[in-house]
């Protein structure tokens, strides 16, 4: 019986090295080149969600899951959380709709404030 053990994803300077990493870096580079940034409200909401996540590294402002510098990642339209806590931002007709599901974040904030 030939059983394979799961392979650990290699990392360079805390960033996972994979096909997905290359795709995400390409999207991020395109957003930066085309100046596709989210509004300050969306950026702040994303950062608030990240800062209470267990994968947040306070000393480096990085995510342990994807290795990204979150101050940059939260500002890009095509970026999304690897844990699905927030997704890509799409323009909507309702300016109050940030395109982010904050249900889990609100529940976590309510628990921590009690």
Protein backbone atom coordinates (compact mmCIF):
# COMPACT_ATOMS: atom_id res chain seq x y z
CA UNK A 1 0.00 0.00 0.00
CA UNK A 2 1.51 3.29 -1.11
CA UNK A 3 0.31 6.09 1.18
CA UNK A 4 1.62 9.59 0.77
CA UNK A 5 1.91 12.03 3.59
CA UNK A 6 0.54 15.52 2.99
CA UNK A 7 3.25 17.90 1.82
CA UNK A 8 3.95 21.00 3.81
CA UNK A 9 3.68 24.17 1.75
CA UNK A 10 7.16 25.68 1.47
CA UNK A 11 7.55 29.27 2.64
CA UNK A 12 10.01 32.01 1.82
CA UNK A 13 10.16 34.80 4.40
CA UNK A 14 6.79 33.64 5.77
CA UNK A 15 5.04 33.66 2.38
CA UNK A 16 3.69 30.33 1.10
CA UNK A 17 5.16 29.35 -2.27
CA UNK A 18 2.48 27.90 -4.52
CA UNK A 19 0.61 28.43 -7.77
CA UNK A 20 -2.07 30.30 -5.77
CA UNK A 21 0.57 32.64 -4.39
CA UNK A 22 1.74 33.45 -7.91
CA UNK A 23 -1.83 34.07 -9.08
CA UNK A 24 -2.58 36.33 -6.10
CA UNK A 25 0.63 38.32 -6.58
CA UNK A 26 -0.28 38.80 -10.25
CA UNK A 27 -3.73 40.12 -9.28
CA UNK A 28 -2.21 42.42 -6.65
CA UNK A 29 0.34 43.77 -9.13
CA UNK A 30 -2.43 44.44 -11.64
CA UNK A 31 -4.51 46.27 -9.01
CA UNK A 32 -1.54 48.44 -8.07
CA UNK A 33 -0.61 49.17 -11.70
CA UNK A 34 -4.22 50.04 -12.62
CA UNK A 35 -4.72 51.90 -9.31
CA UNK A 36 -7.69 49.72 -8.33
CA UNK A 37 -8.03 50.41 -4.64
CA UNK A 38 -10.99 50.08 -2.30
CA UNK A 39 -12.48 53.00 -0.39
CA UNK A 40 -11.08 53.94 3.01
CA UNK A 41 -14.22 52.51 4.68
CA UNK A 42 -13.72 49.08 3.09
CA UNK A 43 -10.00 49.18 3.84
CA UNK A 44 -10.66 49.94 7.53
CA UNK A 45 -13.35 47.25 7.81
CA UNK A 46 -11.02 44.63 6.32
CA UNK A 47 -8.19 45.68 8.63
CA UNK A 48 -10.50 45.54 11.68
CA UNK A 49 -11.47 41.97 10.75
CA UNK A 50 -7.82 40.96 10.29
CA UNK A 51 -6.61 42.50 13.55
CA UNK A 52 -8.92 40.28 15.66
CA UNK A 53 -8.11 37.12 13.70
CA UNK A 54 -5.86 34.49 15.36
CA UNK A 55 -3.75 34.42 12.17
CA UNK A 56 -2.80 38.11 12.55
CA UNK A 57 0.86 38.74 13.42
CA UNK A 58 0.89 41.97 15.40
CA UNK A 59 4.66 42.50 15.22
CA UNK A 60 4.90 42.34 11.42
CA UNK A 61 1.33 43.25 10.30
CA UNK A 62 1.28 39.99 8.32
CA UNK A 63 -1.21 37.18 7.97
CA UNK A 64 0.15 33.77 9.04
CA UNK A 65 -2.05 32.06 6.42
CA UNK A 66 -0.95 33.91 3.28
CA UNK A 67 2.13 35.80 4.49
CA UNK A 68 0.86 39.08 3.04
CA UNK A 69 1.55 42.56 4.36
CA UNK A 70 -2.00 43.35 5.37
CA UNK A 71 -1.73 47.13 5.19
CA UNK A 72 -1.27 46.70 1.43
CA UNK A 73 -3.53 43.69 0.86
CA UNK A 74 -6.61 45.23 2.48
CA UNK A 75 -6.46 48.17 0.08
CA UNK A 76 -6.57 46.13 -3.16
CA UNK A 77 -9.87 45.33 -4.91
CA UNK A 78 -9.00 41.80 -6.01
CA UNK A 79 -7.60 40.71 -2.64
CA UNK A 80 -9.45 38.24 -0.46
CA UNK A 81 -8.87 36.65 2.91
CA UNK A 82 -7.50 33.08 2.69
CA UNK A 83 -9.87 32.17 5.54
CA UNK A 84 -12.84 33.69 3.65
CA UNK A 85 -13.48 36.37 6.30
CA UNK A 86 -13.66 39.00 3.55
CA UNK A 87 -13.67 38.76 -0.21
CA UNK A 88 -12.92 40.62 -3.40
CA UNK A 89 -14.52 44.05 -3.55
CA UNK A 90 -17.02 44.80 -6.30
CA UNK A 91 -18.55 48.19 -6.89
CA UNK A 92 -22.19 48.16 -5.91
CA UNK A 93 -25.09 50.51 -6.38
CA UNK A 94 -25.45 50.93 -2.62
CA UNK A 95 -22.52 52.93 -1.24
CA UNK A 96 -23.12 51.41 2.23
CA UNK A 97 -22.65 47.87 0.89
CA UNK A 98 -18.97 47.06 1.29
CA UNK A 99 -19.25 43.60 -0.28
CA UNK A 100 -17.95 42.09 2.98
CA UNK A 101 -19.81 39.60 5.16
CA UNK A 102 -19.15 40.93 8.66
CA UNK A 103 -21.40 38.47 10.51
CA UNK A 104 -18.55 36.44 12.01
CA UNK A 105 -16.54 39.56 12.81
CA UNK A 106 -19.49 41.18 14.65
CA UNK A 107 -20.07 38.00 16.66
CA UNK A 108 -16.39 37.83 17.63
CA UNK A 109 -16.34 41.50 18.61
CA UNK A 110 -19.45 41.11 20.74
CA UNK A 111 -17.94 38.11 22.56
CA UNK A 112 -14.67 39.92 23.26
CA UNK A 113 -16.43 43.05 24.57
CA UNK A 114 -18.46 41.08 27.14
